[in-house]
């Protein structure tokens, strides 16, 4: 399954969820729901790493909770992007994959005259030797 198929399927589930619970999936709901899911991921991480009480859950259950929360965050990011008409694959290419050259400088793609180069929109990253983004 590719990311576009995954997005379509997650969107269908979210629409069903919204209909069942009378939720309006507007701009605010999209970002606040993502924030909620990141909070739950943080809680799962803290429990898993022993920095919060485990609530009687086994290490295996805590690992499963963490994986499930990662899936929730990813799904909510896909929903947020879909809601705003963002092509996630293209934006990852533009913002992250320009660094695939193996050098400390991004690969600058060819762009039409007068258009800004992808990834060079004023939010210029400084690569750290040996670190991944």
Protein backbone atom coordinates (compact mmCIF):
# COMPACT_ATOMS: atom_id res chain seq x y z
CA UNK A 1 0.00 0.00 0.00
CA UNK A 2 1.34 3.44 -0.82
CA UNK A 3 0.81 6.59 1.23
CA UNK A 4 -1.98 7.87 -1.01
CA UNK A 5 -3.95 4.64 -0.60
CA UNK A 6 -3.30 4.73 3.12
CA UNK A 7 -4.55 8.32 3.28
CA UNK A 8 -7.74 7.38 1.41
CA UNK A 9 -8.45 4.51 3.79
CA UNK A 10 -7.71 6.58 6.90
CA UNK A 11 -9.95 9.33 5.53
CA UNK A 12 -12.82 6.85 5.11
CA UNK A 13 -12.45 5.65 8.70
CA UNK A 14 -12.30 9.25 9.96
CA UNK A 15 -15.47 10.15 8.05
CA UNK A 16 -17.28 7.20 9.64
CA UNK A 17 -16.00 8.19 13.08
CA UNK A 18 -17.12 11.78 12.57
CA UNK A 19 -20.58 10.74 11.40
CA UNK A 20 -21.03 8.32 14.29
CA UNK A 21 -20.05 10.85 16.95
CA UNK A 22 -21.40 14.01 15.23
CA UNK A 23 -17.96 15.58 14.86
CA UNK A 24 -17.28 18.48 12.53
CA UNK A 25 -13.82 17.88 11.10
CA UNK A 26 -12.93 21.53 10.52
CA UNK A 27 -9.51 23.21 10.60
CA UNK A 28 -9.53 23.46 14.39
CA UNK A 29 -10.55 19.85 14.92
CA UNK A 30 -7.82 18.64 12.57
CA UNK A 31 -4.97 20.39 14.40
CA UNK A 32 -6.36 19.82 17.89
CA UNK A 33 -6.89 16.12 17.21
CA UNK A 34 -3.27 15.85 16.06
CA UNK A 35 -2.19 17.60 19.25
CA UNK A 36 -4.28 15.16 21.31
CA UNK A 37 -2.68 12.17 19.57
CA UNK A 38 0.85 13.55 20.07
CA UNK A 39 0.02 13.90 23.78
CA UNK A 40 -1.07 10.27 23.90
CA UNK A 41 2.14 9.24 22.12
CA UNK A 42 4.13 11.22 24.68
CA UNK A 43 2.32 9.51 27.52
CA UNK A 44 2.96 6.08 25.97
CA UNK A 45 6.66 6.94 25.60
CA UNK A 46 6.93 8.10 29.21
CA UNK A 47 5.20 4.96 30.49
CA UNK A 48 7.34 2.73 28.30
CA UNK A 49 10.57 4.40 29.42
CA UNK A 50 9.68 4.25 33.13
CA UNK A 51 9.23 8.00 33.48
CA UNK A 52 5.49 7.68 34.21
CA UNK A 53 3.52 5.02 36.04
CA UNK A 54 2.74 1.97 33.93
CA UNK A 55 -0.82 1.60 35.29
CA UNK A 56 -0.21 -2.13 35.69
CA UNK A 57 0.57 -2.68 32.02
CA UNK A 58 3.28 -5.16 31.05
CA UNK A 59 6.32 -4.12 28.99
CA UNK A 60 4.75 -5.88 25.98
CA UNK A 61 1.50 -3.95 26.45
CA UNK A 62 3.41 -0.70 26.81
CA UNK A 63 5.30 -1.43 23.58
CA UNK A 64 2.00 -2.19 21.81
CA UNK A 65 0.49 1.04 23.18
CA UNK A 66 3.48 3.02 21.88
CA UNK A 67 3.20 1.46 18.40
CA UNK A 68 -0.55 2.18 18.33
CA UNK A 69 0.01 5.81 19.26
CA UNK A 70 2.63 6.20 16.52
CA UNK A 71 -0.02 4.90 14.10
CA UNK A 72 -2.55 7.39 15.48
CA UNK A 73 -0.16 10.32 15.02
CA UNK A 74 0.72 9.26 11.47
CA UNK A 75 -2.95 8.80 10.60
CA UNK A 76 -3.84 12.20 12.00
CA UNK A 77 -1.00 13.86 10.07
CA UNK A 78 -2.32 12.23 6.89
CA UNK A 79 -5.84 13.49 7.70
CA UNK A 80 -4.58 17.01 8.39
CA UNK A 81 -2.64 17.07 5.12
CA UNK A 82 -5.62 15.71 3.18
CA UNK A 83 -7.94 18.27 4.77
CA UNK A 84 -5.66 21.09 3.61
CA UNK A 85 -4.98 19.61 0.16
CA UNK A 86 -1.31 18.95 0.88
CA UNK A 87 0.49 16.35 -1.20
CA UNK A 88 2.57 14.78 1.58
CA UNK A 89 4.84 12.89 -0.82
CA UNK A 90 5.68 16.06 -2.73
CA UNK A 91 6.24 18.06 0.45
CA UNK A 92 8.58 15.39 1.87
CA UNK A 93 10.50 15.48 -1.41
CA UNK A 94 10.65 19.27 -1.26
CA UNK A 95 11.60 19.59 2.40
CA UNK A 96 13.58 16.43 3.25
CA UNK A 97 14.75 14.55 0.19
CA UNK A 98 16.67 17.49 -1.23
CA UNK A 99 19.34 16.39 1.26
CA UNK A 100 19.77 12.98 -0.42
CA UNK A 101 22.92 14.01 -2.27
CA UNK A 102 25.13 12.77 0.57
CA UNK A 103 26.74 16.19 0.88
CA UNK A 104 26.24 18.86 3.50
CA UNK A 105 24.33 20.98 1.00
CA UNK A 106 20.86 20.22 -0.34
CA UNK A 107 20.41 19.17 -3.92
CA UNK A 108 18.71 22.11 -5.61
CA UNK A 109 16.09 20.86 -8.05
CA UNK A 110 15.52 22.68 -11.31
CA UNK A 111 12.54 25.00 -11.06
CA UNK A 112 10.68 27.25 -13.44
CA UNK A 113 12.02 30.83 -13.63
CA UNK A 114 10.53 33.08 -10.98
CA UNK A 115 9.53 30.23 -8.64
CA UNK A 116 11.33 29.58 -5.35
CA UNK A 117 13.48 26.50 -5.17
CA UNK A 118 11.80 23.75 -3.13
CA UNK A 119 13.22 23.46 0.36
CA UNK A 120 14.87 26.85 0.16
CA UNK A 121 11.97 28.96 1.40
CA UNK A 122 13.79 30.83 4.12
CA UNK A 123 13.57 27.90 6.53
CA UNK A 124 17.07 26.76 5.66
CA UNK A 125 18.29 23.78 7.64
CA UNK A 126 21.87 23.34 8.65
CA UNK A 127 22.77 19.64 8.47
CA UNK A 128 24.54 18.13 11.44
CA UNK A 129 27.31 15.73 10.58
CA UNK A 130 26.06 12.15 10.99
CA UNK A 131 22.54 13.16 12.07
CA UNK A 132 19.31 12.29 10.31
CA UNK A 133 16.49 14.86 9.99
